[in-house]
Amino acid sequence: MLIRGALSHFYSEFIVFLQKIPDKTPCLFGIYCNYYVILDEVQEVDGFEKLVNGLNAKDNVDVYVTGSNSHFLSSDIKTIFRGRGDEVRVYPFSFKEFSTDRTESVSELWREYYTYGGMPGLLRQRTPEQKVAYLQRLWNKTYLDDVVERNHVKNREALSALADALCSSVGSLTNSNRISNVLRNVQNVKIDTETVANYISYLEDAFLFEGAKRYNIKGNKYFESIKKYYAADIGLRNAKLNFRQQEITHIMENVIYNELRMRGLTVDVGLVESREKRNGKMEYNQYEVDFIASNGREKYYIQSAFALDSEEKREQELKSLLKIDNNFRKIVIVGSDIAEYIDNHGIRFMGLFQFLLHGI
C-alpha cells in the first residue's frame, strides 16, 4: 500500500506537469515542438485512463504506454484508446534474433532455442541450471501470480494444472470440455467446462498461449468449439512441464506457429474434407493442414514435418495439400537442413533453418 501510495503521489505530480504542455509550442525557426511521453506500468494508478486520453488528444504529443504481458492486456488498450491508438506486441526473441552475433553452429543454437526459448532475460543466465531456475521463476512468481491476482482466481492449483494440460497438448486439437475431462480423470482436478474456458481466456489475455481456430478450407467456415493452442514461448512451456516432455515434432510445430505470428501473419489450422472410394465404398475423410497463414494479400498452406523418412510418411504429409484445389502456395517445412525445391505438384519443400532464418 505504501508503494502504491507513493506511485499515486508521483503520478499526481506528473499529471500536473503534463497538463501544462501547450497544444502548440513554437521552437527554433518557428517550428512547433513535438512531445514524446512514455508511461510504464501506469495502470497501477487509479484513473490513469483520463491522463492517457488527455495526452492522446493533443496533436503535438505521442503517447507510449508499456506494461508487462500479464498486467497490461490488449483488451485494456482497446478500452483506453477507444480506437485512437495502435497496439504493438513485443514477442520473445525469434530464432533469427536469438542467433544474432552467436558463433555456435546452427544445430547447436537450435537445440538451445527449442529447450530454453527466446525470453530476453536468458542472456544473463550462464548455466543450464540458471536458465531453468529463471524460466520456472517467471512462470510461478510472475506470470501465474499475476493471472491469479488480476482475475481473482480462487483455485490456483486448477489454473496451474490447466496450464500443464495446454503445455502438454500443443499442436493438438482440443476444447474446454476435453480439457475438463482430462483434468478430472487424469489429474483428479475437479473443474467444470465453463471455468476451464474462463481460465484459458485468462492465459491467452496474458499472452502465455494463443489459440488457432480450425478452418474448413472447402466449406469456407470455422469450427467454433475446437482449437489448437500454442505456447507463446517454447522455453516457458518446457519449464512449466519441468522439461519432461521434449517431443521435437510438437516443439517444431509450436516454433513455426510463433514465427508466423511474429511476422504479422494470421494463422488458422486447416481441415480438408473429401469423399473417396475405398474397397468399393464411398468414404468421408478429413485431412489436417497444420497452418493456413495469411497477410491479407497472400495465403500459405503449411505442413510441419520433422522427417520425411519414408514414402508412406511423405504421402501422409502431402495428402491434405493435394486435396486443396486452389492456387495459393503450399509449403512443407522439414526438420532436416535440405536444399529448397518444388515438386511436380508445385509444393515447395524447405528446411526448418531456412524458414526460421530467411522466411517464406
Protein backbone atom coordinates (compact mmCIF):
# COMPACT_ATOMS: atom_id res chain seq x y z
CA MET A 1 0.00 0.00 0.00
CA LEU A 2 2.88 2.37 0.74
CA ILE A 3 4.37 1.69 -2.67
CA ARG A 4 1.05 2.20 -4.39
CA GLY A 5 0.52 5.40 -2.42
CA ALA A 6 3.96 6.66 -3.43
CA LEU A 7 3.23 5.85 -7.07
CA SER A 8 -0.08 7.68 -6.90
CA HIS A 9 1.61 10.74 -5.40
CA PHE A 10 4.33 10.68 -8.06
CA TYR A 11 1.88 10.36 -10.91
CA SER A 12 -0.40 13.04 -9.48
CA GLU A 13 2.54 15.45 -9.58
CA PHE A 14 3.47 14.18 -13.03
CA ILE A 15 -0.08 14.73 -14.29
CA VAL A 16 0.03 18.37 -13.15
CA PHE A 17 3.27 18.81 -15.12
CA LEU A 18 1.91 17.14 -18.25
CA GLN A 19 -1.24 19.18 -18.20
CA LYS A 20 0.91 22.27 -18.62
CA ILE A 21 2.09 21.09 -22.03
CA PRO A 22 0.60 23.55 -24.50
CA ASP A 23 -1.12 22.36 -27.63
CA LYS A 24 1.50 24.03 -29.81
CA THR A 25 4.85 25.42 -28.71
CA PRO A 26 7.00 27.26 -31.29
CA CYS A 27 10.63 26.14 -31.18
CA LEU A 28 13.60 27.14 -33.31
CA PHE A 29 12.76 28.93 -36.59
CA GLY A 30 9.07 28.82 -35.79
CA ILE A 31 8.90 25.02 -35.98
CA TYR A 32 6.47 23.57 -33.45
CA CYS A 33 7.76 21.15 -30.80
CA ASN A 34 6.57 17.57 -30.52
CA TYR A 35 6.50 15.81 -27.17
CA TYR A 36 7.01 12.08 -26.64
CA VAL A 37 5.61 10.69 -23.40
CA ILE A 38 6.45 7.15 -22.30
CA LEU A 39 4.45 5.70 -19.41
CA ASP A 40 5.47 2.34 -17.97
CA GLU A 41 3.08 0.31 -15.77
CA VAL A 42 0.85 3.39 -15.44
CA GLN A 43 -2.14 1.07 -14.97
CA GLU A 44 -1.05 0.78 -11.34
CA VAL A 45 -2.50 4.23 -10.80
CA ASP A 46 -6.25 4.63 -10.43
CA GLY A 47 -7.81 6.80 -13.12
CA PHE A 48 -4.82 6.65 -15.46
CA GLU A 49 -7.18 6.38 -18.46
CA LYS A 50 -8.06 10.09 -18.20
CA LEU A 51 -4.39 11.03 -18.30
CA VAL A 52 -3.67 8.86 -21.32
CA ASN A 53 -6.71 10.03 -23.26
CA GLY A 54 -5.99 13.66 -22.40
CA LEU A 55 -2.44 13.43 -23.69
CA ASN A 56 -3.50 11.44 -26.72
CA ALA A 57 -5.91 14.22 -27.71
CA LYS A 58 -3.03 16.69 -28.16
CA ASP A 59 -1.78 16.91 -31.75
CA ASN A 60 1.81 17.51 -30.72
CA VAL A 61 2.08 14.66 -28.19
CA ASP A 62 2.83 10.99 -28.92
CA VAL A 63 1.98 8.71 -26.01
CA TYR A 64 3.60 5.32 -25.50
CA VAL A 65 2.12 3.11 -22.80
CA THR A 66 4.10 0.00 -21.89
CA GLY A 67 3.34 -2.79 -19.49
CA SER A 68 4.19 -6.37 -18.63
CA ASN A 69 2.38 -9.02 -20.59
CA SER A 70 0.24 -10.16 -17.67
CA HIS A 71 -0.57 -6.78 -16.14
CA PHE A 72 -1.38 -4.70 -19.18
CA LEU A 73 -3.67 -6.61 -21.52
CA SER A 74 -4.70 -5.92 -25.09
CA SER A 75 -8.33 -5.58 -24.02
CA ASP A 76 -7.31 -2.74 -21.70
CA ILE A 77 -5.54 -0.96 -24.53
CA LYS A 78 -8.62 -1.09 -26.74
CA THR A 79 -10.74 0.32 -23.92
CA ILE A 80 -8.33 3.11 -23.05
CA PHE A 81 -7.59 4.44 -26.51
CA ARG A 82 -11.05 3.74 -27.96
CA GLY A 83 -9.74 3.12 -31.45
CA ARG A 84 -7.31 6.05 -31.45
CA GLY A 85 -4.15 4.06 -30.86
CA ASP A 86 -2.17 1.11 -32.14
CA GLU A 87 -1.10 -1.95 -30.21
CA VAL A 88 2.45 -3.22 -30.72
CA ARG A 89 3.04 -6.64 -29.24
CA VAL A 90 6.59 -7.44 -28.21
CA TYR A 91 7.38 -11.13 -28.68
CA PRO A 92 10.23 -13.16 -27.22
CA PHE A 93 13.27 -13.43 -29.49
CA SER A 94 12.74 -15.21 -32.77
CA PHE A 95 15.32 -17.83 -33.69
CA LYS A 96 16.98 -15.34 -36.04
CA GLU A 97 17.22 -12.71 -33.30
CA PHE A 98 18.39 -15.35 -30.83
CA SER A 99 21.16 -16.41 -33.24
CA THR A 100 22.45 -12.92 -33.98
CA ASP A 101 26.18 -12.49 -33.17
CA ARG A 102 26.41 -16.09 -31.95
CA THR A 103 29.33 -18.25 -33.11
CA GLU A 104 27.90 -21.71 -32.43
CA SER A 105 26.64 -23.91 -35.25
CA VAL A 106 23.02 -23.55 -36.32
CA SER A 107 22.20 -27.01 -34.97
CA GLU A 108 23.68 -26.13 -31.56
CA LEU A 109 21.73 -22.89 -31.45
CA TRP A 110 18.54 -24.72 -32.42
CA ARG A 111 18.97 -27.23 -29.56
CA GLU A 112 19.40 -24.37 -27.11
CA TYR A 113 16.46 -22.44 -28.57
CA TYR A 114 13.97 -25.30 -28.55
CA THR A 115 14.97 -26.12 -24.98
CA TYR A 116 15.08 -22.68 -23.33
CA GLY A 117 13.20 -20.46 -25.79
CA GLY A 118 13.72 -16.78 -26.53
CA MET A 119 13.00 -14.83 -23.34
CA PRO A 120 15.49 -11.91 -23.31
CA GLY A 121 16.41 -12.44 -19.64
CA LEU A 122 18.08 -15.71 -20.59
CA LEU A 123 21.02 -13.69 -21.94
CA ARG A 124 22.05 -13.03 -18.33
CA GLN A 125 21.85 -16.70 -17.34
CA ARG A 126 25.12 -18.56 -17.95
CA THR A 127 24.48 -22.16 -16.93
CA PRO A 128 21.66 -24.58 -17.75
CA GLU A 129 20.69 -24.59 -14.08
CA GLN A 130 20.38 -20.80 -14.04
CA LYS A 131 18.25 -20.84 -17.20
CA VAL A 132 15.90 -23.46 -15.77
CA ALA A 133 15.54 -21.54 -12.49
CA TYR A 134 14.92 -18.27 -14.36
CA LEU A 135 12.15 -19.73 -16.54
CA GLN A 136 10.44 -21.53 -13.69
CA ARG A 137 10.62 -18.39 -11.57
CA LEU A 138 8.95 -16.44 -14.38
CA TRP A 139 6.11 -18.94 -14.51
CA ASN A 140 5.46 -19.31 -10.82
CA LYS A 141 6.36 -15.93 -9.37
CA THR A 142 5.47 -13.59 -12.20
CA TYR A 143 3.00 -14.89 -14.75
CA LEU A 144 0.92 -17.28 -12.68
CA ASP A 145 0.79 -14.94 -9.69
CA ASP A 146 -0.26 -12.03 -11.91
CA VAL A 147 -3.00 -14.01 -13.65
CA VAL A 148 -4.36 -15.17 -10.28
CA GLU A 149 -4.29 -11.66 -8.80
CA ARG A 150 -5.70 -9.82 -11.81
CA ASN A 151 -8.57 -12.23 -12.43
CA HIS A 152 -9.28 -13.07 -8.78
CA VAL A 153 -8.75 -16.78 -9.45
CA LYS A 154 -9.87 -18.82 -6.46
CA ASN A 155 -8.38 -22.16 -7.50
CA ARG A 156 -4.70 -21.57 -8.27
CA GLU A 157 -3.98 -25.31 -8.37
CA ALA A 158 -6.61 -25.84 -11.06
CA LEU A 159 -5.21 -22.95 -13.10
CA SER A 160 -1.72 -24.41 -12.87
CA ALA A 161 -3.00 -27.86 -13.85
CA LEU A 162 -4.80 -26.33 -16.81
CA ALA A 163 -1.58 -24.64 -17.93
CA ASP A 164 0.16 -28.02 -17.69
CA ALA A 165 -2.54 -29.56 -19.88
CA LEU A 166 -2.17 -26.85 -22.53
CA CYS A 167 1.62 -27.22 -22.47
CA SER A 168 1.32 -30.98 -22.89
CA SER A 169 -1.10 -30.74 -25.81
CA VAL A 170 0.50 -28.06 -28.00
CA GLY A 171 -0.42 -28.73 -31.59
CA SER A 172 -3.36 -30.97 -30.68
CA LEU A 173 -6.99 -30.15 -31.33
CA THR A 174 -8.89 -29.64 -28.12
CA ASN A 175 -11.67 -27.69 -26.41
CA SER A 176 -12.79 -26.77 -22.91
CA ASN A 177 -14.85 -29.93 -22.47
CA ARG A 178 -11.96 -32.23 -23.38
CA ILE A 179 -9.56 -30.39 -21.10
CA SER A 180 -12.05 -30.51 -18.25
CA ASN A 181 -12.37 -34.29 -18.69
CA VAL A 182 -8.59 -34.74 -18.76
CA LEU A 183 -8.12 -32.70 -15.59
CA ARG A 184 -10.82 -34.67 -13.77
CA ASN A 185 -9.86 -38.16 -14.97
CA VAL A 186 -6.07 -37.91 -15.20
CA GLN A 187 -5.04 -35.25 -12.70
CA ASN A 188 -8.02 -35.61 -10.34
CA VAL A 189 -8.72 -31.89 -10.56
CA LYS A 190 -12.39 -31.07 -10.27
CA ILE A 191 -13.18 -28.20 -12.61
CA ASP A 192 -16.20 -27.53 -14.81
CA THR A 193 -16.14 -26.65 -18.51
CA GLU A 194 -17.13 -23.02 -18.00
CA THR A 195 -14.30 -22.45 -15.53
CA VAL A 196 -11.84 -24.10 -17.94
CA ALA A 197 -12.97 -21.72 -20.70
CA ASN A 198 -12.51 -18.73 -18.38
CA TYR A 199 -9.07 -19.86 -17.25
CA ILE A 200 -7.95 -20.39 -20.86
CA SER A 201 -9.07 -16.86 -21.72
CA TYR A 202 -7.04 -15.52 -18.77
CA LEU A 203 -3.92 -17.31 -20.01
CA GLU A 204 -4.50 -16.08 -23.57
CA ASP A 205 -5.07 -12.49 -22.41
CA ALA A 206 -1.79 -12.72 -20.51
CA PHE A 207 -0.03 -13.65 -23.79
CA LEU A 208 1.08 -17.04 -22.46
CA PHE A 209 -0.86 -19.05 -25.05
CA GLU A 210 -2.57 -18.45 -28.35
CA GLY A 211 -5.45 -20.43 -29.77
CA ALA A 212 -5.60 -21.12 -33.51
CA LYS A 213 -9.09 -21.71 -34.88
CA ARG A 214 -9.90 -24.70 -37.06
CA TYR A 215 -11.00 -23.74 -40.58
CA ASN A 216 -12.80 -25.89 -43.15
CA ILE A 217 -11.00 -24.98 -46.37
CA LYS A 218 -13.56 -26.29 -48.86
CA GLY A 219 -16.55 -25.38 -46.69
CA ASN A 220 -15.20 -21.87 -46.01
CA LYS A 221 -16.22 -21.88 -42.36
CA TYR A 222 -14.74 -22.06 -38.87
CA PHE A 223 -15.33 -24.69 -36.24
CA GLU A 224 -16.05 -22.52 -33.22
CA SER A 225 -15.73 -25.13 -30.49
CA ILE A 226 -12.27 -26.55 -31.19
CA LYS A 227 -8.78 -25.04 -31.42
CA LYS A 228 -5.10 -25.80 -31.25
CA TYR A 229 -3.23 -23.97 -28.50
CA TYR A 230 0.41 -22.93 -28.76
CA ALA A 231 2.75 -21.61 -26.09
CA ALA A 232 3.98 -18.05 -26.72
CA ASP A 233 7.48 -19.16 -25.76
CA ILE A 234 8.67 -22.73 -26.04
CA GLY A 235 11.12 -22.32 -23.15
CA LEU A 236 8.35 -21.25 -20.78
CA ARG A 237 6.31 -24.23 -21.98
CA ASN A 238 9.18 -26.61 -21.24
CA ALA A 239 9.80 -25.04 -17.84
CA LYS A 240 6.14 -25.43 -16.85
CA LEU A 241 6.48 -29.17 -17.53
CA ASN A 242 9.84 -29.36 -15.70
CA PHE A 243 11.47 -30.14 -19.07
CA ARG A 244 9.89 -33.61 -19.05
CA GLN A 245 8.18 -33.53 -22.45
CA GLN A 246 10.63 -32.70 -25.22
CA GLU A 247 8.76 -34.06 -28.25
CA ILE A 248 10.63 -32.41 -31.09
CA THR A 249 7.73 -32.74 -33.56
CA HIS A 250 5.36 -30.76 -31.32
CA ILE A 251 8.07 -28.28 -30.36
CA MET A 252 8.94 -27.65 -34.01
CA GLU A 253 5.27 -27.04 -34.84
CA ASN A 254 4.96 -24.60 -31.94
CA VAL A 255 8.08 -22.70 -33.02
CA ILE A 256 6.82 -22.46 -36.62
CA TYR A 257 3.47 -21.11 -35.39
CA ASN A 258 5.21 -18.46 -33.27
CA GLU A 259 7.47 -17.49 -36.16
CA LEU A 260 4.50 -16.96 -38.46
CA ARG A 261 2.78 -14.80 -35.85
CA MET A 262 5.95 -12.75 -35.26
CA ARG A 263 5.97 -11.96 -38.97
CA GLY A 264 2.49 -10.48 -38.69
CA LEU A 265 0.58 -13.32 -40.33
CA THR A 266 -2.82 -14.52 -39.16
CA VAL A 267 -2.76 -18.27 -38.56
CA ASP A 268 -5.52 -20.88 -38.56
CA VAL A 269 -5.34 -24.66 -38.64
CA GLY A 270 -6.92 -26.24 -41.68
CA LEU A 271 -9.25 -29.10 -42.46
CA VAL A 272 -9.87 -30.59 -45.90
CA GLU A 273 -12.94 -32.79 -46.34
CA SER A 274 -13.00 -35.40 -49.07
CA ARG A 275 -15.27 -38.22 -50.27
CA GLU A 276 -13.22 -41.14 -51.56
CA LYS A 277 -13.91 -44.61 -52.87
CA ARG A 278 -12.23 -47.35 -50.85
CA ASN A 279 -12.89 -51.08 -51.09
CA GLY A 280 -15.83 -50.40 -53.36
CA LYS A 281 -17.48 -47.99 -50.92
CA MET A 282 -17.58 -44.21 -50.70
CA GLU A 283 -15.99 -42.93 -47.51
CA TYR A 284 -15.93 -39.49 -45.94
CA ASN A 285 -12.40 -38.45 -44.84
CA GLN A 286 -10.87 -35.43 -43.17
CA TYR A 287 -7.27 -34.31 -43.62
CA GLU A 288 -5.40 -31.80 -41.49
CA VAL A 289 -3.39 -28.83 -42.72
CA ASP A 290 -1.10 -27.65 -39.94
CA PHE A 291 -1.30 -23.94 -40.77
CA ILE A 292 -3.20 -21.56 -43.01
CA ALA A 293 -1.17 -18.34 -42.85
CA SER A 294 -2.22 -15.07 -44.45
CA ASN A 295 -1.08 -11.46 -44.58
CA GLY A 296 -4.27 -10.26 -46.28
CA ARG A 297 -2.78 -10.38 -49.77
CA GLU A 298 -1.20 -13.81 -49.86
CA LYS A 299 -2.15 -17.14 -48.33
CA TYR A 300 0.05 -20.11 -47.50
CA TYR A 301 -0.85 -23.69 -46.65
CA ILE A 302 1.96 -25.04 -44.49
CA GLN A 303 2.78 -28.51 -43.20
CA SER A 304 5.29 -29.07 -40.39
CA ALA A 305 7.06 -32.39 -40.99
CA PHE A 306 10.07 -33.11 -38.80
CA ALA A 307 11.10 -36.03 -41.00
CA LEU A 308 10.04 -37.43 -44.39
CA ASP A 309 11.99 -40.65 -43.99
CA SER A 310 9.62 -42.95 -45.85
CA GLU A 311 7.29 -42.82 -48.82
CA GLU A 312 4.37 -43.54 -46.50
CA LYS A 313 5.24 -40.56 -44.30
CA ARG A 314 5.66 -38.36 -47.36
CA GLU A 315 2.26 -39.32 -48.74
CA GLN A 316 0.67 -38.72 -45.34
CA GLU A 317 2.04 -35.17 -45.11
CA LEU A 318 1.15 -34.29 -48.72
CA LYS A 319 -2.34 -35.76 -48.87
CA SER A 320 -4.11 -32.77 -47.36
CA LEU A 321 -2.21 -30.28 -49.57
CA LEU A 322 -3.03 -32.27 -52.71
CA LYS A 323 -6.73 -32.15 -51.80
CA ILE A 324 -6.75 -28.32 -51.90
CA ASP A 325 -7.90 -27.19 -55.32
CA ASN A 326 -6.85 -23.53 -55.28
CA ASN A 327 -3.63 -21.84 -56.37
CA PHE A 328 -2.37 -20.47 -53.07
CA ARG A 329 1.16 -21.50 -52.19
CA LYS A 330 1.70 -24.85 -50.49
CA ILE A 331 4.80 -25.40 -48.35
CA VAL A 332 6.27 -28.32 -46.40
CA ILE A 333 8.83 -27.39 -43.72
CA VAL A 334 11.06 -30.30 -42.74
CA GLY A 335 13.33 -30.62 -39.74
CA SER A 336 16.43 -31.55 -41.72
CA ASP A 337 18.65 -28.99 -43.45
CA ILE A 338 17.68 -29.57 -47.08
CA ALA A 339 18.12 -27.60 -50.27
CA GLU A 340 14.83 -25.96 -51.19
CA TYR A 341 12.95 -27.50 -54.11
CA ILE A 342 9.48 -27.63 -55.70
CA ASP A 343 7.98 -30.99 -56.64
CA ASN A 344 5.83 -31.90 -59.65
CA HIS A 345 2.66 -30.80 -57.81
CA GLY A 346 4.03 -27.30 -57.22
CA ILE A 347 4.56 -27.95 -53.49
CA ARG A 348 7.60 -26.21 -52.07
CA PHE A 349 9.90 -28.06 -49.66
CA MET A 350 12.26 -26.16 -47.39
CA GLY A 351 14.38 -26.84 -44.32
CA LEU A 352 13.46 -25.56 -40.87
CA PHE A 353 16.57 -23.39 -40.53
CA GLN A 354 15.97 -21.78 -43.91
CA PHE A 355 12.43 -20.91 -42.84
CA LEU A 356 13.46 -19.54 -39.46
CA LEU A 357 16.40 -17.51 -40.78
CA HIS A 358 15.09 -16.35 -44.17
CA GLY A 359 11.31 -16.75 -44.17
CA ILE A 360 8.92 -17.89 -46.88
